Structure formats: C-alpha cells, structure tokens
C-alpha atoms as a PDB file:
ATOM      1  CA  UNK A   1     116.812 109.047  83.714  1.00  0.00           C
ATOM      2  CA  UNK A   2     114.838 107.793  86.679  1.00  0.00           C
ATOM      3  CA  UNK A   3     111.295 106.465  86.482  1.00  0.00           C
ATOM      4  CA  UNK A   4     108.968 104.796  89.008  1.00  0.00           C
ATOM      5  CA  UNK A   5     105.909 102.864  87.872  1.00  0.00           C
ATOM      6  CA  UNK A   6     103.215 101.275  90.048  1.00  0.00           C
ATOM      7  CA  UNK A   7     100.860  98.462  89.051  1.00  0.00           C
ATOM      8  CA  UNK A   8      98.124  96.493  90.864  1.00  0.00           C
ATOM      9  CA  UNK A   9      97.709  99.212  93.482  1.00  0.00           C
ATOM     10  CA  UNK A  10      94.144  99.080  94.775  1.00  0.00           C
ATOM     11  CA  UNK A  11      94.268 102.465  96.517  1.00  0.00           C
ATOM     12  CA  UNK A  12      94.790 105.785  94.761  1.00  0.00           C
ATOM     13  CA  UNK A  13      98.064 107.142  96.014  1.00  0.00           C
ATOM     14  CA  UNK A  14     100.835 109.430  94.885  1.00  0.00           C
ATOM     15  CA  UNK A  15     104.222 107.897  95.513  1.00  0.00           C
ATOM     16  CA  UNK A  16     107.114 109.879  96.843  1.00  0.00           C
ATOM     17  CA  UNK A  17     110.374 107.987  96.599  1.00  0.00           C
ATOM     18  CA  UNK A  18     113.256 108.906  98.886  1.00  0.00           C
ATOM     19  CA  UNK A  19     116.461 107.156  97.958  1.00  0.00           C
ATOM     20  CA  UNK A  20     119.327 106.685 100.387  1.00  0.00           C
ATOM     21  CA  UNK A  21     122.250 105.642  98.231  1.00  0.00           C
ATOM     22  CA  UNK A  22     125.987 106.079  97.955  1.00  0.00           C
ATOM     23  CA  UNK A  23     126.994 108.847  95.540  1.00  0.00           C
ATOM     24  CA  UNK A  24     123.290 109.467  94.775  1.00  0.00           C
ATOM     25  CA  UNK A  25     123.159 106.501  92.386  1.00  0.00           C
ATOM     26  CA  UNK A  26     120.638 103.672  92.459  1.00  0.00           C
ATOM     27  CA  UNK A  27     121.047 100.299  90.809  1.00  0.00           C
ATOM     28  CA  UNK A  28     119.791  96.830  91.504  1.00  0.00           C
ATOM     29  CA  UNK A  29     118.886  93.420  90.217  1.00  0.00           C
ATOM     30  CA  UNK A  30     115.792  93.115  92.382  1.00  0.00           C
ATOM     31  CA  UNK A  31     113.864  95.349  94.773  1.00  0.00           C
ATOM     32  CA  UNK A  32     112.403  93.915  97.973  1.00  0.00           C
ATOM     33  CA  UNK A  33     109.455  95.746  99.541  1.00  0.00           C
ATOM     34  CA  UNK A  34     108.454  95.311 103.187  1.00  0.00           C
ATOM     35  CA  UNK A  35     106.735  97.193 106.008  1.00  0.00           C
ATOM     36  CA  UNK A  36     107.886  97.768 109.562  1.00  0.00           C
ATOM     37  CA  UNK A  37     104.385  97.984 111.049  1.00  0.00           C
ATOM     38  CA  UNK A  38     101.920  95.238 110.015  1.00  0.00           C
ATOM     39  CA  UNK A  39      98.888  96.493 111.987  1.00  0.00           C
ATOM     40  CA  UNK A  40      97.649  99.249 109.664  1.00  0.00           C
ATOM     41  CA  UNK A  41      94.103 100.603 109.944  1.00  0.00           C
ATOM     42  CA  UNK A  42      91.806 102.434 107.565  1.00  0.00           C
ATOM     43  CA  UNK A  43      92.790 106.106 107.522  1.00  0.00           C
ATOM     44  CA  UNK A  44      96.481 105.512 108.236  1.00  0.00           C
ATOM     45  CA  UNK A  45      99.310 106.355 105.871  1.00  0.00           C
ATOM     46  CA  UNK A  46     101.615 103.660 104.557  1.00  0.00           C
ATOM     47  CA  UNK A  47     105.386 103.778 104.678  1.00  0.00           C
ATOM     48  CA  UNK A  48     107.078 101.085 102.645  1.00  0.00           C
ATOM     49  CA  UNK A  49     110.689 100.099 103.099  1.00  0.00           C
ATOM     50  CA  UNK A  50     112.699  98.803 100.185  1.00  0.00           C
ATOM     51  CA  UNK A  51     116.000  97.067  99.681  1.00  0.00           C
ATOM     52  CA  UNK A  52     117.786  96.956  96.352  1.00  0.00           C
ATOM     53  CA  UNK A  53     119.913  93.881  95.832  1.00  0.00           C
ATOM     54  CA  UNK A  54     123.054  94.911  93.963  1.00  0.00           C
ATOM     55  CA  UNK A  55     123.985  91.645  92.323  1.00  0.00           C
ATOM     56  CA  UNK A  56     123.988  93.149  88.848  1.00  0.00           C
ATOM     57  CA  UNK A  57     127.709  93.028  88.085  1.00  0.00           C
ATOM     58  CA  UNK A  58     127.366  95.391  85.127  1.00  0.00           C
ATOM     59  CA  UNK A  59     125.776  98.044  87.320  1.00  0.00           C
ATOM     60  CA  UNK A  60     128.417  97.538  89.965  1.00  0.00           C
ATOM     61  CA  UNK A  61     131.205  97.931  87.442  1.00  0.00           C
ATOM     62  CA  UNK A  62     129.549 101.084  86.073  1.00  0.00           C
ATOM     63  CA  UNK A  63     129.301 102.766  89.483  1.00  0.00           C
ATOM     64  CA  UNK A  64     132.277 101.199  91.203  1.00  0.00           C
ATOM     65  CA  UNK A  65     129.938 100.418  94.103  1.00  0.00           C
ATOM     66  CA  UNK A  66     130.213  96.817  95.312  1.00  0.00           C
ATOM     67  CA  UNK A  67     128.019  97.040  98.429  1.00  0.00           C
ATOM     68  CA  UNK A  68     125.499  94.225  98.804  1.00  0.00           C
ATOM     69  CA  UNK A  69     122.352  96.345  99.054  1.00  0.00           C
ATOM     70  CA  UNK A  70     120.875  99.821  99.230  1.00  0.00           C
ATOM     71  CA  UNK A  71     117.978 100.782 101.481  1.00  0.00           C
ATOM     72  CA  UNK A  72     115.346 103.503 101.451  1.00  0.00           C
ATOM     73  CA  UNK A  73     111.739 104.479 101.996  1.00  0.00           C
ATOM     74  CA  UNK A  74     108.696 104.869  99.772  1.00  0.00           C
ATOM     75  CA  UNK A  75     105.902 106.939 101.298  1.00  0.00           C
ATOM     76  CA  UNK A  76     102.362 106.600 100.037  1.00  0.00           C
ATOM     77  CA  UNK A  77     100.716 110.017 100.252  1.00  0.00           C
ATOM     78  CA  UNK A  78      97.095 109.409 101.173  1.00  0.00           C
ATOM     79  CA  UNK A  79      95.394 106.966 103.485  1.00  0.00           C
ATOM     80  CA  UNK A  80      94.288 103.350 103.412  1.00  0.00           C
ATOM     81  CA  UNK A  81      90.589 103.155 102.520  1.00  0.00           C
ATOM     82  CA  UNK A  82      89.709  99.467 102.194  1.00  0.00           C
ATOM     83  CA  UNK A  83      89.248  96.961 105.036  1.00  0.00           C
ATOM     84  CA  UNK A  84      90.696  93.537 104.285  1.00  0.00           C
ATOM     85  CA  UNK A  85      93.579  92.349 102.156  1.00  0.00           C
ATOM     86  CA  UNK A  86      95.184  95.006  99.957  1.00  0.00           C
ATOM     87  CA  UNK A  87      97.893  94.481  97.359  1.00  0.00           C
ATOM     88  CA  UNK A  88     100.709  96.927  96.715  1.00  0.00           C
ATOM     89  CA  UNK A  89     103.078  96.454  93.802  1.00  0.00           C
ATOM     90  CA  UNK A  90     104.948  95.116  92.076  1.00  0.00           C
ATOM     91  CA  UNK A  91     106.809  98.375  91.538  1.00  0.00           C
ATOM     92  CA  UNK A  92     109.072  98.967  88.569  1.00  0.00           C
ATOM     93  CA  UNK A  93     112.259 100.974  88.898  1.00  0.00           C
ATOM     94  CA  UNK A  94     113.807 102.115  85.617  1.00  0.00           C
ATOM     95  CA  UNK A  95     117.373 103.229  85.280  1.00  0.00           C
ATOM     96  CA  UNK A  96     119.453 103.612  82.160  1.00  0.00           C
ATOM     97  CA  UNK A  97     116.653 102.010  80.064  1.00  0.00           C
ATOM     98  CA  UNK A  98     116.608  98.922  82.308  1.00  0.00           C
ATOM     99  CA  UNK A  99     113.590  97.946  84.425  1.00  0.00           C
ATOM    100  CA  UNK A 100     113.912  96.303  87.844  1.00  0.00           C
ATOM    101  CA  UNK A 101     110.764  94.892  89.431  1.00  0.00           C
ATOM    102  CA  UNK A 102     109.879  94.516  93.094  1.00  0.00           C
ATOM    103  CA  UNK A 103     107.862  91.886  94.873  1.00  0.00           C
ATOM    104  CA  UNK A 104     104.149  92.332  95.575  1.00  0.00           C
ATOM    105  CA  UNK A 105     103.006  93.042  99.131  1.00  0.00           C
ATOM    106  CA  UNK A 106      99.741  91.737 100.560  1.00  0.00           C
ATOM    107  CA  UNK A 107      98.753  93.828 103.575  1.00  0.00           C
ATOM    108  CA  UNK A 108      95.691  93.274 105.742  1.00  0.00           C
ATOM    109  CA  UNK A 109      94.001  96.519 106.787  1.00  0.00           C
ATOM    110  CA  UNK A 110      91.781  96.652 109.868  1.00  0.00           C
ATOM    111  CA  UNK A 111      88.869  99.010 110.415  1.00  0.00           C
ATOM    112  CA  UNK A 112      89.512 102.466 111.853  1.00  0.00           C
ATOM    113  CA  UNK A 113      89.315 103.055 115.596  1.00  0.00           C
ATOM    114  CA  UNK A 114      85.961 104.341 116.844  1.00  0.00           C
ATOM    115  CA  UNK A 115      85.534 108.063 117.490  1.00  0.00           C
ATOM    116  CA  UNK A 116      85.936 107.938 121.244  1.00  0.00           C
ATOM    117  CA  UNK A 117      88.321 109.990 123.348  1.00  0.00           C
ATOM    118  CA  UNK A 118      89.361 107.185 125.701  1.00  0.00           C
ATOM    119  CA  UNK A 119      89.867 103.550 124.775  1.00  0.00           C
ATOM    120  CA  UNK A 120      92.212 100.549 124.733  1.00  0.00           C
ATOM    121  CA  UNK A 121      92.497  98.090 121.845  1.00  0.00           C
ATOM    122  CA  UNK A 122      94.600  94.915 121.680  1.00  0.00           C
ATOM    123  CA  UNK A 123      95.020  92.831 118.517  1.00  0.00           C
ATOM    124  CA  UNK A 124      96.765  89.563 117.711  1.00  0.00           C
ATOM    125  CA  UNK A 125      97.901  89.748 114.079  1.00  0.00           C
ATOM    126  CA  UNK A 126     100.033  87.688 111.711  1.00  0.00           C
ATOM    127  CA  UNK A 127     102.264  89.009 108.950  1.00  0.00           C
ATOM    128  CA  UNK A 128     105.042  87.437 106.907  1.00  0.00           C
ATOM    129  CA  UNK A 129     105.109  84.249 109.011  1.00  0.00           C
ATOM    130  CA  UNK A 130     105.453  86.264 112.231  1.00  0.00           C
ATOM    131  CA  UNK A 131     102.922  86.917 114.994  1.00  0.00           C
ATOM    132  CA  UNK A 132     102.447  90.217 116.799  1.00  0.00           C
ATOM    133  CA  UNK A 133     100.509  91.732 119.650  1.00  0.00           C
ATOM    134  CA  UNK A 134      99.479  95.320 118.903  1.00  0.00           C
ATOM    135  CA  UNK A 135      98.399  97.445 121.875  1.00  0.00           C
ATOM    136  CA  UNK A 136      96.740 100.835 121.272  1.00  0.00           C
ATOM    137  CA  UNK A 137      95.545 103.452 123.731  1.00  0.00           C
ATOM    138  CA  UNK A 138      93.744 106.716 123.156  1.00  0.00           C
ATOM    139  CA  UNK A 139      93.267 108.927 126.174  1.00  0.00           C
ATOM    140  CA  UNK A 140      93.063 112.518 127.338  1.00  0.00           C
ATOM    141  CA  UNK A 141      96.588 113.784 127.900  1.00  0.00           C
ATOM    142  CA  UNK A 142      98.380 116.902 129.054  1.00  0.00           C
ATOM    143  CA  UNK A 143     101.773 118.159 127.932  1.00  0.00           C
ATOM    144  CA  UNK A 144     104.516 119.662 130.064  1.00  0.00           C
ATOM    145  CA  UNK A 145     107.479 121.488 128.542  1.00  0.00           C
ATOM    146  CA  UNK A 146     110.914 120.165 129.493  1.00  0.00           C
ATOM    147  CA  UNK A 147     114.114 122.028 128.710  1.00  0.00           C
ATOM    148  CA  UNK A 148     117.273 120.107 127.933  1.00  0.00           C
ATOM    149  CA  UNK A 149     120.141 122.485 127.235  1.00  0.00           C
ATOM    150  CA  UNK A 150     119.123 124.696 124.333  1.00  0.00           C
ATOM    151  CA  UNK A 151     116.232 122.489 123.240  1.00  0.00           C
ATOM    152  CA  UNK A 152     112.710 122.148 124.619  1.00  0.00           C
ATOM    153  CA  UNK A 153     110.705 118.941 124.448  1.00  0.00           C
ATOM    154  CA  UNK A 154     107.297 117.883 125.736  1.00  0.00           C
ATOM    155  CA  UNK A 155     106.430 115.180 128.231  1.00  0.00           C
ATOM    156  CA  UNK A 156     102.949 113.693 127.980  1.00  0.00           C
ATOM    157  CA  UNK A 157     100.864 112.174 130.736  1.00  0.00           C
ATOM    158  CA  UNK A 158      97.244 111.089 130.946  1.00  0.00           C
ATOM    159  CA  UNK A 159      94.689 112.962 132.970  1.00  0.00           C
ATOM    160  CA  UNK A 160      93.699 109.805 134.845  1.00  0.00           C
ATOM    161  CA  UNK A 161      97.131 108.362 135.472  1.00  0.00           C
ATOM    162  CA  UNK A 162      99.958 106.696 133.573  1.00  0.00           C
ATOM    163  CA  UNK A 163      99.674 104.999 130.214  1.00  0.00           C
ATOM    164  CA  UNK A 164      99.100 101.271 130.299  1.00  0.00           C
ATOM    165  CA  UNK A 165     102.174  99.060 130.218  1.00  0.00           C
ATOM    166  CA  UNK A 166     102.405  95.458 129.113  1.00  0.00           C
ATOM    167  CA  UNK A 167     104.007  93.140 131.691  1.00  0.00           C
ATOM    168  CA  UNK A 168     106.068  90.814 129.523  1.00  0.00           C
ATOM    169  CA  UNK A 169     106.924  88.575 132.480  1.00  0.00           C
ATOM    170  CA  UNK A 170     103.216  87.884 133.053  1.00  0.00           C
ATOM    171  CA  UNK A 171     103.055  85.609 130.002  1.00  0.00           C
ATOM    172  CA  UNK A 172     103.725  81.861 130.227  1.00  0.00           C
ATOM    173  CA  UNK A 173     107.223  80.574 129.501  1.00  0.00           C
ATOM    174  CA  UNK A 174     105.943  78.918 126.331  1.00  0.00           C
ATOM    175  CA  UNK A 175     104.891  82.282 124.854  1.00  0.00           C
ATOM    176  CA  UNK A 176     107.784  84.719 124.456  1.00  0.00           C
ATOM    177  CA  UNK A 177     106.935  88.425 124.140  1.00  0.00           C
ATOM    178  CA  UNK A 178     109.500  90.869 122.699  1.00  0.00           C
ATOM    179  CA  UNK A 179     108.958  94.620 122.355  1.00  0.00           C
ATOM    180  CA  UNK A 180     109.673  95.821 118.803  1.00  0.00           C
ATOM    181  CA  UNK A 181     108.426  99.419 118.437  1.00  0.00           C
ATOM    182  CA  UNK A 182     106.206 102.208 119.743  1.00  0.00           C
ATOM    183  CA  UNK A 183     104.517 105.228 118.220  1.00  0.00           C
ATOM    184  CA  UNK A 184     102.588 108.201 119.605  1.00  0.00           C
ATOM    185  CA  UNK A 185     100.943 111.385 118.378  1.00  0.00           C
ATOM    186  CA  UNK A 186      98.362 114.026 119.154  1.00  0.00           C
ATOM    187  CA  UNK A 187      95.113 112.953 117.566  1.00  0.00           C
ATOM    188  CA  UNK A 188      92.264 115.121 116.359  1.00  0.00           C
ATOM    189  CA  UNK A 189      89.005 113.173 116.387  1.00  0.00           C
ATOM    190  CA  UNK A 190      85.347 114.082 116.052  1.00  0.00           C
ATOM    191  CA  UNK A 191      84.356 112.497 119.327  1.00  0.00           C
ATOM    192  CA  UNK A 192      81.989 113.502 122.069  1.00  0.00           C
ATOM    193  CA  UNK A 193      82.972 113.380 125.698  1.00  0.00           C
ATOM    194  CA  UNK A 194      84.670 115.437 128.340  1.00  0.00           C
ATOM    195  CA  UNK A 195      88.255 116.177 127.383  1.00  0.00           C
ATOM    196  CA  UNK A 196      88.489 119.437 129.295  1.00  0.00           C
ATOM    197  CA  UNK A 197      92.002 120.134 130.497  1.00  0.00           C
ATOM    198  CA  UNK A 198      93.682 117.989 127.840  1.00  0.00           C
ATOM    199  CA  UNK A 199      93.544 116.663 124.298  1.00  0.00           C
ATOM    200  CA  UNK A 200      93.137 113.248 122.629  1.00  0.00           C
ATOM    201  CA  UNK A 201      96.493 111.481 122.568  1.00  0.00           C
ATOM    202  CA  UNK A 202      97.215 108.178 120.823  1.00  0.00           C
ATOM    203  CA  UNK A 203      99.940 105.687 121.680  1.00  0.00           C
ATOM    204  CA  UNK A 204     100.786 102.308 120.173  1.00  0.00           C
ATOM    205  CA  UNK A 205     103.109  99.458 121.149  1.00  0.00           C
ATOM    206  CA  UNK A 206     104.051  96.430 119.032  1.00  0.00           C
ATOM    207  CA  UNK A 207     105.351  93.138 120.429  1.00  0.00           C
ATOM    208  CA  UNK A 208     106.538  90.072 118.557  1.00  0.00           C
ATOM    209  CA  UNK A 209     105.187  86.745 119.814  1.00  0.00           C
ATOM    210  CA  UNK A 210     107.155  83.509 119.672  1.00  0.00           C
ATOM    211  CA  UNK A 211     105.404  80.261 120.513  1.00  0.00           C
ATOM    212  CA  UNK A 212     107.783  77.813 122.095  1.00  0.00           C
ATOM    213  CA  UNK A 213     107.572  74.050 122.379  1.00  0.00           C
ATOM    214  CA  UNK A 214     104.709  73.059 124.633  1.00  0.00           C
ATOM    215  CA  UNK A 215     102.470  76.038 123.885  1.00  0.00           C
ATOM    216  CA  UNK A 216      98.884  74.796 123.918  1.00  0.00           C
ATOM    217  CA  UNK A 217      97.394  77.633 121.899  1.00  0.00           C
ATOM    218  CA  UNK A 218      94.863  78.755 124.463  1.00  0.00           C
ATOM    219  CA  UNK A 219      96.359  81.738 126.301  1.00  0.00           C
ATOM    220  CA  UNK A 220      94.100  84.757 126.715  1.00  0.00           C
ATOM    221  CA  UNK A 221      95.575  88.240 127.074  1.00  0.00           C
ATOM    222  CA  UNK A 222      93.603  90.207 129.664  1.00  0.00           C
ATOM    223  CA  UNK A 223      93.846  93.177 132.017  1.00  0.00           C
ATOM    224  CA  UNK A 224      96.127  91.187 134.341  1.00  0.00           C
ATOM    225  CA  UNK A 225      98.884  91.435 131.715  1.00  0.00           C
ATOM    226  CA  UNK A 226      99.057  95.226 132.070  1.00  0.00           C
ATOM    227  CA  UNK A 227     100.050  97.850 134.578  1.00  0.00           C
ATOM    228  CA  UNK A 228      97.737 100.847 134.996  1.00  0.00           C
ATOM    229  CA  UNK A 229      94.879  99.118 133.189  1.00  0.00           C
ATOM    230  CA  UNK A 230      91.766 101.185 134.034  1.00  0.00           C
ATOM    231  CA  UNK A 231      89.091  99.476 136.060  1.00  0.00           C
ATOM    232  CA  UNK A 232      85.768  98.697 134.451  1.00  0.00           C
ATOM    233  CA  UNK A 233      87.367  97.832 131.104  1.00  0.00           C
ATOM    234  CA  UNK A 234      87.158  94.261 129.857  1.00  0.00           C
ATOM    235  CA  UNK A 235      89.807  92.653 127.668  1.00  0.00           C
ATOM    236  CA  UNK A 236      90.097  89.132 126.267  1.00  0.00           C
ATOM    237  CA  UNK A 237      92.347  88.367 123.271  1.00  0.00           C
ATOM    238  CA  UNK A 238      92.973  84.670 122.603  1.00  0.00           C
ATOM    239  CA  UNK A 239      96.420  83.751 121.242  1.00  0.00           C
ATOM    240  CA  UNK A 240      95.807  80.540 119.291  1.00  0.00           C
END
C-alpha cells in the first residue's frame, strides 16, 4: 500500500508522484525535499525534487537494497498564486503501515512578468544559503527547422538579433559567477505590440554567485555585463 499525504500547503494543488527506484520499491527513514530553480514566479508550476535516505536497516533487509538513497520528482499540478513566502510540506510517505515525513520547504515567489512581448529582467535572489543571478528575456522569435539524421529539431532566433548573453569575465575577481541552468519555451501572452513575423519566446538563465574575500558588497550588474543587450534599455541590479 502506498499513500502520499500533504500538510501545510498554502496553494491548492494535486500532487503527482513519480518514483525512480530500484525494483519499483520505495523505502526510507527520511525524505528530503528541494528545488532546482529558486526563482519561481506567480503562474509558474513547481517541480520538487526528493531524496529518500535509506538508513532504515529493517527496510533494507526487507528489500535487499542497501543503496544510500533514492531520488525522484514530485510535480505540483497547478500554478503558484501567492507573492511572497510560501510553505510546502512536510509531506508524509506511507509504506507498509509506516509513515516517513519530509522536511518543510519555504519558497519565495515573485510577481508574474508583465504582459509585454519584449523585455529583459534580472534578479538577485537568495535560497538555501546560496545566492543566484536570474536573467530572463522575452522577445519575438522565429523558428527554423533543422534536420539531424532522422530527427528534426527547431532553432530559435530573435527578430532583432541574438539573445542576450551574460559575460562572466566582466565581473570583478571577488564575485565569482557560475552558470547552473537554462530554460526556454514558446510563450502565449495577452500582450499588445507588433509581433508580426514571429511569436513571443521566453528564455531564462541561472547563475550561482560566490562572494570571495575582499568583496565590498557594492557591485551593480548593468548592460555592460551582457552581449547583445538592446540599446535604450536600462539595467541596474545591486549585489550586496
């Protein structure tokens, strides 16, 4: 018997649990929840990662599985609706009449992007004792089919040029910038403006920031830190 219970969840979601386990069994002493992307906005779906710590010797003996942990994904079907700090969990996983509880996640949710076809947004955020720089761009894009063997993929480009690109070497030596992930998608928005010859396309990059000894806490991220940054756009994000 397998049961999943959710408490202290401030948003109304349906949980779909996908387990990636050996021999399709799931056991654990504790469940650790975490998220890969800490810069969520209102209207975005949440994908939680979990890790089950298999230190329960009885469960290990029962399954014959002595691996240290099992990993998987919990998807929240729905969207984030509340700006500010939101709590998710703790979750309870029940197996063989035994309950295993997870930690509670506190996730800060930012407001949704405005309904404009073209824009650039840069945020400095903190999560789980780490600091990140989140760069987002929405622009009018066109797609070109590209064939690779028996498969066909699409290459996207903007109508006005290339996507922006962060120049990591443009930061001071006391502020290390490391790329961690990127994400892109076609985006349907109720926005006015001329998008003839293309469609709204959204792209996001996430960088981890590490402040080294000697950092004075007064560096401002601006257009000079990017390639292909469109003229006439102002940007000033202070990294304290």
